[in-house]
Protein backbone atom coordinates (compact mmCIF):
# COMPACT_ATOMS: atom_id res chain seq x y z
CA UNK A 1 168.34 -12.62 -68.56
CA UNK A 2 170.05 -13.80 -71.70
CA UNK A 3 172.30 -11.33 -73.49
CA UNK A 4 171.54 -10.59 -77.10
CA UNK A 5 174.00 -11.60 -79.80
CA UNK A 6 176.03 -8.74 -81.29
CA UNK A 7 174.49 -7.36 -84.47
CA UNK A 8 177.45 -8.44 -86.62
CA UNK A 9 177.22 -12.02 -85.34
CA UNK A 10 173.47 -12.08 -85.99
CA UNK A 11 174.04 -10.70 -89.50
CA UNK A 12 176.73 -13.31 -90.16
CA UNK A 13 174.46 -16.17 -89.09
CA UNK A 14 171.63 -14.81 -91.22
CA UNK A 15 173.86 -14.60 -94.31
CA UNK A 16 175.09 -18.18 -93.79
CA UNK A 17 171.49 -19.41 -93.49
CA UNK A 18 170.53 -17.57 -96.69
CA UNK A 19 173.54 -19.03 -98.51
CA UNK A 20 172.74 -22.56 -97.34
CA UNK A 21 169.11 -22.13 -98.37
CA UNK A 22 170.06 -20.98 -101.86
CA UNK A 23 172.46 -23.92 -102.33
CA UNK A 24 169.71 -26.27 -101.13
CA UNK A 25 167.23 -24.65 -103.53
CA UNK A 26 169.75 -25.01 -106.36
CA UNK A 27 170.06 -28.72 -105.57
CA UNK A 28 166.26 -29.20 -105.48
CA UNK A 29 165.87 -27.62 -108.90
CA UNK A 30 168.85 -29.07 -110.78
CA UNK A 31 169.78 -32.16 -108.74
CA UNK A 32 173.46 -31.50 -109.51
CA UNK A 33 175.59 -31.67 -106.35
CA UNK A 34 178.77 -32.02 -108.45
CA UNK A 35 178.17 -28.63 -110.08
CA UNK A 36 177.40 -27.03 -106.74
CA UNK A 37 180.61 -28.27 -105.11
CA UNK A 38 182.73 -27.14 -108.09
CA UNK A 39 181.52 -23.56 -107.76
CA UNK A 40 181.62 -23.67 -103.95
CA UNK A 41 185.26 -24.71 -104.00
CA UNK A 42 186.03 -22.03 -106.60
CA UNK A 43 184.41 -19.36 -104.44
CA UNK A 44 186.37 -20.52 -101.39
CA UNK A 45 189.62 -20.55 -103.38
CA UNK A 46 188.99 -16.91 -104.40
CA UNK A 47 188.48 -15.76 -100.80
CA UNK A 48 192.21 -15.02 -100.09
CA UNK A 49 192.37 -12.87 -103.22
CA UNK A 50 189.18 -11.08 -102.16
CA UNK A 51 190.61 -10.45 -98.72
CA UNK A 52 193.75 -9.06 -100.34
CA UNK A 53 191.77 -6.70 -102.56
CA UNK A 54 189.41 -5.52 -99.82
CA UNK A 55 191.76 -5.58 -96.85
CA UNK A 56 194.86 -4.06 -98.43
CA UNK A 57 193.92 -2.13 -101.55
CA UNK A 58 190.43 -0.79 -100.82
CA UNK A 59 191.12 -0.05 -97.16
CA UNK A 60 194.39 1.63 -98.13
CA UNK A 61 192.53 3.92 -100.54
CA UNK A 62 189.90 4.69 -97.94
CA UNK A 63 192.63 5.35 -95.37
CA UNK A 64 194.32 7.84 -97.69
CA UNK A 65 191.03 9.59 -98.29
CA UNK A 66 190.35 9.80 -94.56
CA UNK A 67 193.85 11.14 -93.99
CA UNK A 68 193.32 13.87 -96.58
CA UNK A 69 190.04 14.81 -94.91
CA UNK A 70 191.77 15.07 -91.53
CA UNK A 71 194.50 17.25 -93.01
CA UNK A 72 191.87 19.53 -94.55
CA UNK A 73 190.21 19.92 -91.16
CA UNK A 74 193.62 20.56 -89.55
CA UNK A 75 194.47 23.28 -92.05
CA UNK A 76 191.09 24.91 -91.40
CA UNK A 77 192.03 25.07 -87.71
CA UNK A 78 195.46 26.50 -88.59
CA UNK A 79 193.79 29.12 -90.78
CA UNK A 80 191.45 30.13 -87.95
CA UNK A 81 194.43 30.51 -85.61
CA UNK A 82 196.29 32.81 -88.00
CA UNK A 83 193.16 34.84 -88.73
CA UNK A 84 192.40 35.52 -85.07
CA UNK A 85 195.78 35.32 -83.31
CA UNK A 86 198.79 34.49 -85.45
CA UNK A 87 198.79 37.34 -87.90
CA UNK A 88 198.31 39.96 -85.16
CA UNK A 89 201.24 38.48 -83.24
CA UNK A 90 203.36 38.75 -86.39
CA UNK A 91 202.51 42.45 -86.58
CA UNK A 92 203.23 43.05 -82.91
CA UNK A 93 206.57 41.23 -82.78
CA UNK A 94 208.17 41.79 -86.17
CA UNK A 95 209.04 45.39 -85.34
CA UNK A 96 210.54 44.33 -81.98
CA UNK A 97 212.99 41.77 -83.44
CA UNK A 98 216.43 43.31 -84.03
CA UNK A 99 217.49 40.27 -86.09
CA UNK A 100 214.47 40.21 -88.42
CA UNK A 101 216.23 42.08 -91.22
CA UNK A 102 218.61 39.16 -91.75
CA UNK A 103 215.72 36.86 -92.65
CA UNK A 104 213.13 39.34 -93.86
CA UNK A 105 213.47 38.29 -97.55
CA UNK A 106 212.19 34.86 -96.49
CA UNK A 107 208.88 36.42 -95.47
CA UNK A 108 208.20 38.83 -98.30
CA UNK A 109 206.09 36.23 -100.07
CA UNK A 110 204.45 37.10 -103.38
CA UNK A 111 202.33 35.36 -106.01
CA UNK A 112 205.35 34.16 -107.96
CA UNK A 113 206.67 31.95 -105.15
CA UNK A 114 207.00 28.23 -105.95
CA UNK A 115 207.41 25.18 -103.73
CA UNK A 116 211.18 25.59 -104.03
CA UNK A 117 210.99 29.21 -102.75
CA UNK A 118 209.09 28.11 -99.66
CA UNK A 119 211.53 25.28 -99.03
CA UNK A 120 214.43 27.70 -99.37
CA UNK A 121 212.81 30.11 -96.89
CA UNK A 122 212.21 27.36 -94.32
CA UNK A 123 215.82 26.17 -94.66
CA UNK A 124 216.99 29.73 -94.15
CA UNK A 125 215.15 29.87 -90.81
CA UNK A 126 216.85 26.80 -89.35
CA UNK A 127 219.74 28.76 -87.83
CA UNK A 128 217.76 31.91 -87.09
CA UNK A 129 217.91 33.27 -83.53
CA UNK A 130 215.41 36.03 -82.67
CA UNK A 131 216.59 39.09 -80.74
CA UNK A 132 213.46 40.58 -79.28
CA UNK A 133 213.70 43.79 -77.28
CA UNK A 134 210.53 43.97 -75.20
CA UNK A 135 209.62 46.64 -72.68
CA UNK A 136 206.82 46.63 -70.07
CA UNK A 137 204.39 48.22 -72.53
CA UNK A 138 205.05 45.47 -75.10
CA UNK A 139 204.46 42.72 -72.56
CA UNK A 140 201.29 44.44 -71.40
CA UNK A 141 200.02 44.63 -74.99
CA UNK A 142 200.74 40.94 -75.46
CA UNK A 143 199.02 40.02 -72.23
CA UNK A 144 195.92 41.97 -73.16
CA UNK A 145 195.75 40.50 -76.66
CA UNK A 146 196.36 36.88 -75.65
CA UNK A 147 194.03 37.22 -72.66
CA UNK A 148 191.22 38.23 -75.01
CA UNK A 149 191.85 35.06 -77.00
CA UNK A 150 192.48 32.68 -74.11
CA UNK A 151 189.27 30.68 -74.54
CA UNK A 152 189.96 30.35 -78.26
CA UNK A 153 193.47 28.96 -77.57
CA UNK A 154 192.08 26.50 -75.04
CA UNK A 155 189.57 25.19 -77.58
CA UNK A 156 192.32 24.75 -80.14
CA UNK A 157 194.44 22.74 -77.70
CA UNK A 158 191.41 20.52 -76.99
CA UNK A 159 190.91 19.80 -80.70
CA UNK A 160 192.03 16.18 -81.37
CA UNK A 161 192.71 16.91 -85.04
CA UNK A 162 195.80 18.87 -84.01
CA UNK A 163 197.54 15.61 -83.13
CA UNK A 164 198.18 15.27 -86.86
CA UNK A 165 200.58 18.21 -86.81
CA UNK A 166 203.20 18.09 -84.06
CA UNK A 167 204.88 21.38 -85.01
CA UNK A 168 201.67 23.38 -84.97
CA UNK A 169 200.79 21.81 -81.64
CA UNK A 170 204.18 22.99 -80.32
CA UNK A 171 203.34 26.50 -81.52
CA UNK A 172 200.00 26.46 -79.70
CA UNK A 173 201.58 25.12 -76.51
CA UNK A 174 204.27 27.83 -76.66
CA UNK A 175 201.66 30.58 -77.19
CA UNK A 176 199.40 29.27 -74.44
CA UNK A 177 202.34 28.98 -72.02
CA UNK A 178 203.28 32.56 -72.82
CA UNK A 179 199.70 33.68 -72.12
CA UNK A 180 199.80 31.95 -68.74
CA UNK A 181 203.17 33.48 -67.81
CA UNK A 182 201.92 36.96 -68.67
CA UNK A 183 198.59 36.39 -66.96
CA UNK A 184 200.17 35.75 -63.56
CA UNK A 185 202.32 38.87 -63.60
CA UNK A 186 201.27 42.16 -62.06
CA UNK A 187 202.77 45.47 -63.13
CA UNK A 188 205.46 44.74 -65.71
CA UNK A 189 207.19 48.01 -64.92
CA UNK A 190 208.11 46.69 -61.45
CA UNK A 191 209.52 43.34 -62.60
CA UNK A 192 213.26 42.71 -62.18
CA UNK A 193 215.41 42.47 -65.27
CA UNK A 194 215.84 38.73 -64.75
CA UNK A 195 212.07 38.18 -65.05
CA UNK A 196 211.82 40.42 -68.12
CA UNK A 197 214.57 38.29 -69.67
CA UNK A 198 212.63 35.12 -68.76
CA UNK A 199 209.44 36.42 -70.34
CA UNK A 200 211.34 37.55 -73.43
CA UNK A 201 212.65 33.99 -73.80
CA UNK A 202 209.07 32.69 -73.69
CA UNK A 203 208.07 35.18 -76.37
CA UNK A 204 211.05 34.24 -78.55
CA UNK A 205 210.13 30.55 -78.32
CA UNK A 206 206.60 31.23 -79.53
CA UNK A 207 207.93 33.69 -82.14
CA UNK A 208 210.24 31.09 -83.70
CA UNK A 209 207.44 28.55 -84.02
CA UNK A 210 205.08 31.20 -85.33
CA UNK A 211 207.40 32.26 -88.18
CA UNK A 212 207.92 28.72 -89.44
CA UNK A 213 204.26 27.72 -89.22
CA UNK A 214 203.21 30.93 -90.97
CA UNK A 215 205.34 30.01 -93.97
CA UNK A 216 203.89 26.47 -93.96
CA UNK A 217 200.40 27.93 -93.85
CA UNK A 218 201.09 30.31 -96.75
CA UNK A 219 202.39 27.40 -98.83
CA UNK A 220 199.20 25.45 -98.10
CA UNK A 221 197.11 28.43 -99.23
CA UNK A 222 199.21 28.77 -102.38
CA UNK A 223 198.57 25.12 -103.25
CA UNK A 224 194.90 24.79 -102.25
CA UNK A 225 193.26 28.20 -102.01
CA UNK A 226 194.76 30.82 -104.37
CA UNK A 227 192.16 33.46 -103.43
CA UNK A 228 193.05 33.18 -99.73
CA UNK A 229 196.74 33.21 -100.64
CA UNK A 230 196.19 36.42 -102.61
CA UNK A 231 194.72 38.15 -99.56
CA UNK A 232 197.52 36.86 -97.32
CA UNK A 233 200.12 38.23 -99.73
CA UNK A 234 198.41 41.63 -99.95
CA UNK A 235 198.18 41.92 -96.15
CA UNK A 236 201.63 40.49 -95.47
CA UNK A 237 202.77 42.16 -92.20
CA UNK A 238 206.42 41.97 -93.29
CA UNK A 239 205.84 44.36 -96.17
CA UNK A 240 206.77 47.96 -95.44
CA UNK A 241 203.38 49.12 -96.74
CA UNK A 242 200.70 46.50 -97.02
CA UNK A 243 197.15 46.99 -98.21
CA UNK A 244 194.21 44.63 -98.90
CA UNK A 245 193.38 46.69 -102.00
CA UNK A 246 194.02 44.94 -105.29
CA UNK A 247 196.10 47.13 -107.55
């Protein structure tokens, strides 16, 4: 059984046949081969320029547009994470970090913040070392919360769009690893101090990523979605008294 020609090859042959037919028709009507060859050579001479315009300029513009679309999808995923998991973790862990006061001004974001303010806050976090003090009840609360969202975290890790953002992927991996570590433990009250220290290190790793990505997410909302940014500012878990009510 003979294999069919690929559709693109068939289309190419058809277009060449149509072109040859039109040139032949032109010759039958005007009997001017000289004129035909002048324009044929001109069209061929323009081909490299056409390839340049289509291959480099147009495709570059389309590539940029596609990249922006992928980033929009990525930020939608990031927003879903912070709505369902990230913000609650910020609430749970902020009060357990003994070192948070030293960097707290970097997180009290308000409507007046500019790009420079966000950049300054991110720079201020570069040398920050969390000092979490977690007891058995804190680890149990984390295990329960992350366990409830395990399927959601798995789906996020399976999302190919996250490959566009390495840092957010690191955050997800750290949170998912933490969930697994907590899942396999029994009664936290019976764990040795060495294991509590190990688990605290896992929490601190996820906490560090979470703080940085939260600032990045707030900056994105500030730039693209002011109404979502307004809600995030009003419900900022680092404020002493936050409220969703607009005053």
